[in-house]
Amino acid sequence: MEKAIPEVTLNDGTTLPVTGLGTYGLWGNAGANAISSGINAGYRLIDTAYNYENEGAVGEGIKRSGISREELWITSKLPGRYHTYEKALVAIQESLYRSKLDYLDLYIIHWPLPRQDHYVEAWQALIDAKKWGLVRSIGVSNFLPEHLERIIQETGVTPSLNQVELHPFFNQEEQRKVHEERGIQTQSWSPLAKSADILSNETIGKIAENHNKTIAQVVLRWHHQIGSVSIPRSTSPQRQRENINIFDFALSETEMSAIAGLSQPDGRLNNMDPATHEEF
């Protein structure tokens, strides 16, 4: 097994591995095997969501891995159709039943859906779920600064984490500054963007050659050095191991700047702007 992954401390005092395993699209027996493989490769943070419809596969993958539940950090997410207070609490319970877990380490609101305007209510449900021991830490996903400001003002509780689209083509510099000011941990979804675009990028390719690393390892190291927790998805045991083998080298300031220069204002992969995107 690889060396233990370093951890960061969140604003509520809990800790979180600095990289984890994404599970979108990992379903059924093959999905459970891929999740078990990732855990045995060294991953301790596993990221799923109610809408991924694979919380059961995650639970089965944990069981097959043979690793103690207490060593793992399991994240799931609240879908938009359950943003009202009572429905949110039921959804959290359902996530636990599906995964056959007694608690979740992190539960987050998947999208704010501001036009529906129930996200403050949903946040209050998460606050209470934490009080009752259903979850250890609570956060959000895809929340813009104005959404963060509102839930903090109206409830007095700051999210421990905000999971946002973040990759070299959309590096979220301004959003990350807001997180830093608020003491909110940044987490990257789609950290490798579209792999075909990343793998053919000459700038990152040259940096990878300099370090005798894969392009994916360089990008994931970049996430680590900007202070973001990444959750790359892979079903290949070899790539799973490669993706967490990023702690034996460092990118120079020049290399970090070169990667930062790849970001574009319209760099979102599927134009999923949290101000308008709705996912139920």
Protein backbone atom coordinates (compact mmCIF):
# COMPACT_ATOMS: atom_id res chain seq x y z
CA MET A 1 0.00 0.00 0.00
CA GLU A 2 1.11 3.58 -0.70
CA LYS A 3 2.25 5.89 2.07
CA ALA A 4 -0.52 7.52 4.08
CA ILE A 5 -2.10 10.57 2.44
CA PRO A 6 -1.56 13.84 4.35
CA GLU A 7 -4.55 15.51 5.98
CA VAL A 8 -5.88 19.03 6.39
CA THR A 9 -7.86 20.31 9.38
CA LEU A 10 -11.24 21.86 8.61
CA ASN A 11 -12.78 24.82 10.41
CA ASP A 12 -14.83 22.52 12.65
CA GLY A 13 -11.74 20.67 13.86
CA THR A 14 -12.25 17.52 11.79
CA THR A 15 -9.53 16.33 9.44
CA LEU A 16 -9.71 15.43 5.77
CA PRO A 17 -7.28 13.61 3.45
CA VAL A 18 -5.85 16.01 0.86
CA THR A 19 -6.93 13.78 -2.02
CA GLY A 20 -9.73 11.26 -2.43
CA LEU A 21 -11.46 8.93 -4.85
CA GLY A 22 -14.32 10.21 -6.99
CA THR A 23 -17.01 7.62 -7.68
CA TYR A 24 -19.34 9.13 -10.30
CA GLY A 25 -20.37 6.35 -12.69
CA LEU A 26 -19.09 3.54 -10.46
CA TRP A 27 -22.13 1.29 -10.12
CA GLY A 28 -22.94 -2.28 -9.22
CA ASN A 29 -20.39 -5.04 -8.80
CA ALA A 30 -17.75 -3.39 -10.98
CA GLY A 31 -18.19 -0.14 -9.07
CA ALA A 32 -17.87 -1.83 -5.70
CA ASN A 33 -14.70 -3.56 -6.89
CA ALA A 34 -13.22 -0.27 -8.13
CA ILE A 35 -13.99 1.43 -4.81
CA SER A 36 -12.50 -1.49 -2.86
CA SER A 37 -9.43 -1.32 -5.11
CA GLY A 38 -9.05 2.39 -4.42
CA ILE A 39 -9.29 1.90 -0.67
CA ASN A 40 -6.68 -0.84 -0.79
CA ALA A 41 -4.44 1.42 -2.89
CA GLY A 42 -4.45 3.91 -0.04
CA TYR A 43 -7.45 6.20 -0.54
CA ARG A 44 -9.29 7.08 2.65
CA LEU A 45 -11.60 9.80 1.31
CA ILE A 46 -14.44 8.45 -0.87
CA ASP A 47 -16.76 10.93 -2.60
CA THR A 48 -20.27 9.94 -3.65
CA ALA A 49 -23.69 11.63 -3.93
CA TYR A 50 -27.34 10.73 -3.63
CA ASN A 51 -27.76 11.53 -7.34
CA TYR A 52 -24.87 9.26 -8.35
CA GLU A 53 -27.15 6.36 -7.37
CA ASN A 54 -24.17 4.38 -6.11
CA GLU A 55 -24.15 4.88 -2.35
CA GLY A 56 -24.88 1.16 -2.10
CA ALA A 57 -21.84 0.33 -4.22
CA VAL A 58 -19.74 2.57 -1.98
CA GLY A 59 -20.95 0.73 1.10
CA GLU A 60 -20.23 -2.61 -0.55
CA GLY A 61 -16.79 -1.40 -1.66
CA ILE A 62 -15.98 -0.45 1.91
CA LYS A 63 -17.08 -3.89 3.09
CA ARG A 64 -14.99 -5.68 0.44
CA SER A 65 -11.89 -3.62 1.20
CA GLY A 66 -11.56 -5.02 4.70
CA ILE A 67 -10.44 -1.58 5.96
CA SER A 68 -11.99 -0.37 9.19
CA ARG A 69 -14.83 2.14 8.77
CA GLU A 70 -13.14 4.42 11.29
CA GLU A 71 -10.16 4.84 8.95
CA LEU A 72 -12.35 6.18 6.13
CA TRP A 73 -13.92 9.52 5.30
CA ILE A 74 -17.15 9.13 3.31
CA THR A 75 -18.82 12.09 1.61
CA SER A 76 -22.28 12.27 0.09
CA LYS A 77 -24.43 15.09 -1.31
CA LEU A 78 -27.99 16.33 -1.04
CA PRO A 79 -29.90 16.54 -4.35
CA GLY A 80 -31.89 19.61 -5.35
CA ARG A 81 -35.30 17.92 -5.13
CA TYR A 82 -34.81 17.46 -1.38
CA HIS A 83 -33.83 20.99 -0.35
CA THR A 84 -36.82 21.58 1.92
CA TYR A 85 -35.99 20.93 5.57
CA GLU A 86 -37.96 17.72 6.20
CA LYS A 87 -37.04 16.19 2.84
CA ALA A 88 -33.36 16.98 3.42
CA LEU A 89 -33.35 15.12 6.72
CA VAL A 90 -35.03 12.10 5.11
CA ALA A 91 -32.50 12.14 2.25
CA ILE A 92 -29.59 12.08 4.69
CA GLN A 93 -31.13 9.09 6.47
CA GLU A 94 -31.68 7.38 3.12
CA SER A 95 -28.01 7.94 2.19
CA LEU A 96 -27.02 6.16 5.39
CA TYR A 97 -29.40 3.26 4.76
CA ARG A 98 -28.21 2.85 1.17
CA SER A 99 -24.55 2.83 2.14
CA LYS A 100 -25.17 0.73 5.27
CA LEU A 101 -23.24 3.26 7.35
CA ASP A 102 -24.06 4.62 10.80
CA TYR A 103 -22.79 8.10 9.95
CA LEU A 104 -21.29 10.09 7.10
CA ASP A 105 -18.08 12.00 7.59
CA LEU A 106 -19.14 14.83 5.32
CA TYR A 107 -22.50 15.74 3.83
CA ILE A 108 -22.83 18.63 1.42
CA ILE A 109 -25.53 20.42 -0.57
CA HIS A 110 -24.87 19.41 -4.19
CA TRP A 111 -26.03 22.62 -5.91
CA PRO A 112 -27.56 25.83 -4.48
CA LEU A 113 -30.40 26.11 -7.04
CA PRO A 114 -30.92 29.82 -6.19
CA ARG A 115 -34.02 30.13 -8.37
CA GLN A 116 -35.72 27.53 -6.17
CA ASP A 117 -34.48 29.40 -3.09
CA HIS A 118 -34.51 26.57 -0.55
CA TYR A 119 -30.77 26.25 0.03
CA VAL A 120 -30.81 28.07 3.39
CA GLU A 121 -33.49 25.64 4.57
CA ALA A 122 -31.39 22.74 3.32
CA TRP A 123 -28.36 24.12 5.15
CA GLN A 124 -30.34 24.27 8.40
CA ALA A 125 -31.22 20.61 7.95
CA LEU A 126 -27.53 19.75 7.60
CA ILE A 127 -26.74 21.77 10.72
CA ASP A 128 -29.27 19.74 12.69
CA ALA A 129 -28.13 16.44 11.16
CA LYS A 130 -24.66 17.19 12.47
CA LYS A 131 -26.02 17.98 15.94
CA TRP A 132 -27.79 14.62 15.95
CA GLY A 133 -24.69 12.69 14.93
CA LEU A 134 -25.81 11.64 11.45
CA VAL A 135 -22.83 13.45 9.92
CA ARG A 136 -19.50 14.62 11.31
CA SER A 137 -18.92 17.65 9.11
CA ILE A 138 -21.14 19.69 6.78
CA GLY A 139 -20.34 21.65 3.65
CA VAL A 140 -21.63 22.75 0.29
CA SER A 141 -20.85 22.31 -3.38
CA ASN A 142 -20.97 24.80 -6.24
CA PHE A 143 -21.88 27.69 -3.93
CA LEU A 144 -20.92 31.11 -5.25
CA PRO A 145 -19.71 33.78 -2.79
CA GLU A 146 -23.19 35.28 -2.48
CA HIS A 147 -24.66 31.88 -1.59
CA LEU A 148 -21.98 31.32 1.05
CA GLU A 149 -22.56 34.79 2.49
CA ARG A 150 -26.28 34.21 2.82
CA ILE A 151 -26.19 30.85 4.62
CA ILE A 152 -23.53 32.12 7.01
CA GLN A 153 -25.48 35.28 7.79
CA GLU A 154 -28.82 33.53 8.23
CA THR A 155 -27.64 30.53 10.29
CA GLY A 156 -24.37 31.61 11.86
CA VAL A 157 -22.72 28.39 10.66
CA THR A 158 -19.89 28.43 8.10
CA PRO A 159 -19.48 25.41 5.81
CA SER A 160 -16.35 23.38 6.43
CA LEU A 161 -15.82 22.91 2.69
CA ASN A 162 -17.04 24.02 -0.74
CA GLN A 163 -16.62 21.54 -3.59
CA VAL A 164 -16.39 23.41 -6.90
CA GLU A 165 -15.40 22.74 -10.49
CA LEU A 166 -11.66 23.38 -10.47
CA HIS A 167 -8.95 22.34 -12.92
CA PRO A 168 -6.11 23.99 -14.87
CA PHE A 169 -8.54 25.37 -17.46
CA PHE A 170 -10.78 26.94 -14.78
CA ASN A 171 -8.74 27.59 -11.67
CA GLN A 172 -11.31 29.52 -9.62
CA GLU A 173 -8.75 31.96 -8.24
CA GLU A 174 -11.28 34.51 -6.99
CA GLN A 175 -13.56 31.87 -5.50
CA ARG A 176 -10.59 30.33 -3.68
CA LYS A 177 -9.73 33.73 -2.19
CA VAL A 178 -13.24 33.94 -0.72
CA HIS A 179 -12.83 30.47 0.76
CA GLU A 180 -9.52 31.44 2.33
CA GLU A 181 -11.02 34.57 3.86
CA ARG A 182 -13.88 32.55 5.32
CA GLY A 183 -11.80 29.59 6.49
CA ILE A 184 -13.60 27.26 4.08
CA GLN A 185 -11.66 24.36 2.54
CA THR A 186 -11.67 24.26 -1.28
CA GLN A 187 -12.32 20.90 -2.92
CA SER A 188 -11.99 20.24 -6.66
CA TRP A 189 -14.44 18.24 -8.73
CA SER A 190 -13.34 17.21 -12.24
CA PRO A 191 -9.75 17.94 -11.12
CA LEU A 192 -8.38 16.50 -14.36
CA ALA A 193 -10.92 18.34 -16.56
CA LYS A 194 -11.56 16.37 -19.75
CA SER A 195 -8.70 13.93 -19.68
CA ALA A 196 -8.15 14.09 -23.45
CA ASP A 197 -7.57 17.86 -23.28
CA ILE A 198 -5.31 17.56 -20.25
CA LEU A 199 -3.26 14.68 -21.66
CA SER A 200 -2.59 16.56 -24.89
CA ASN A 201 -1.61 19.83 -23.20
CA GLU A 202 1.98 20.69 -24.11
CA THR A 203 2.61 22.97 -21.13
CA ILE A 204 1.67 20.32 -18.58
CA GLY A 205 3.35 17.63 -20.67
CA LYS A 206 6.72 19.40 -20.48
CA ILE A 207 6.40 19.84 -16.72
CA ALA A 208 5.58 16.13 -16.37
CA GLU A 209 8.70 15.22 -18.35
CA ASN A 210 10.84 17.41 -16.08
CA HIS A 211 9.66 15.48 -13.02
CA ASN A 212 9.37 12.04 -14.61
CA LYS A 213 5.70 11.99 -13.63
CA THR A 214 2.46 11.51 -15.52
CA ILE A 215 0.45 14.54 -16.61
CA ALA A 216 -2.30 13.50 -14.20
CA GLN A 217 0.19 13.42 -11.32
CA VAL A 218 1.39 16.93 -12.17
CA VAL A 219 -2.17 18.28 -12.26
CA LEU A 220 -3.07 16.61 -8.97
CA ARG A 221 0.13 17.95 -7.41
CA TRP A 222 -0.91 21.42 -8.65
CA HIS A 223 -4.25 21.03 -6.84
CA HIS A 224 -2.40 20.08 -3.67
CA GLN A 225 -0.07 23.07 -3.87
CA ILE A 226 -2.90 25.57 -4.38
CA GLY A 227 -4.48 24.13 -1.23
CA SER A 228 -7.40 22.27 -2.79
CA VAL A 229 -8.51 18.72 -1.98
CA SER A 230 -8.90 16.79 -5.25
CA ILE A 231 -11.12 13.77 -5.92
CA PRO A 232 -9.94 12.13 -9.15
CA ARG A 233 -11.99 9.22 -10.44
CA SER A 234 -10.38 6.07 -11.83
CA THR A 235 -11.33 2.42 -12.11
CA SER A 236 -7.80 1.29 -12.99
CA PRO A 237 -5.81 0.02 -9.98
CA GLN A 238 -2.61 1.31 -11.60
CA ARG A 239 -3.98 4.82 -12.18
CA GLN A 240 -5.53 4.83 -8.72
CA ARG A 241 -2.07 4.25 -7.27
CA GLU A 242 -0.46 6.81 -9.58
CA ASN A 243 -3.02 9.46 -8.67
CA ILE A 244 -2.05 9.41 -4.99
CA ASN A 245 1.68 9.12 -5.65
CA ILE A 246 2.11 12.90 -5.73
CA PHE A 247 3.87 13.64 -2.46
CA ASP A 248 7.47 12.90 -3.45
CA PHE A 249 7.96 15.94 -5.71
CA ALA A 250 7.03 19.62 -5.84
CA LEU A 251 6.25 22.06 -8.63
CA SER A 252 8.33 25.24 -8.80
CA GLU A 253 6.78 28.71 -8.74
CA THR A 254 7.49 28.98 -12.46
CA GLU A 255 5.69 25.69 -13.14
CA MET A 256 2.76 26.70 -10.94
CA SER A 257 2.49 29.99 -12.82
CA ALA A 258 2.59 28.21 -16.17
CA ILE A 259 -0.32 26.01 -15.15
CA ALA A 260 -2.20 29.01 -13.74
CA GLY A 261 -1.84 30.66 -17.14
CA LEU A 262 -3.98 27.94 -18.73
CA SER A 263 -7.14 29.11 -16.96
CA GLN A 264 -9.90 30.71 -19.04
CA PRO A 265 -12.88 32.84 -17.91
CA ASP A 266 -15.20 30.48 -19.80
CA GLY A 267 -13.30 27.35 -18.81
CA ARG A 268 -16.22 25.46 -17.26
CA LEU A 269 -16.51 22.03 -18.87
CA ASN A 270 -20.26 22.05 -19.50
CA ASN A 271 -21.18 25.67 -18.78
CA MET A 272 -22.61 24.61 -15.42
CA ASP A 273 -22.87 28.04 -13.79
CA PRO A 274 -24.17 27.70 -10.20
CA ALA A 275 -26.11 30.95 -10.61
CA THR A 276 -28.40 29.24 -13.11
CA HIS A 277 -27.69 25.49 -13.20
CA GLU A 278 -30.36 23.31 -11.62
CA GLU A 279 -29.86 19.66 -10.79
CA PHE A 280 -32.72 17.91 -9.05
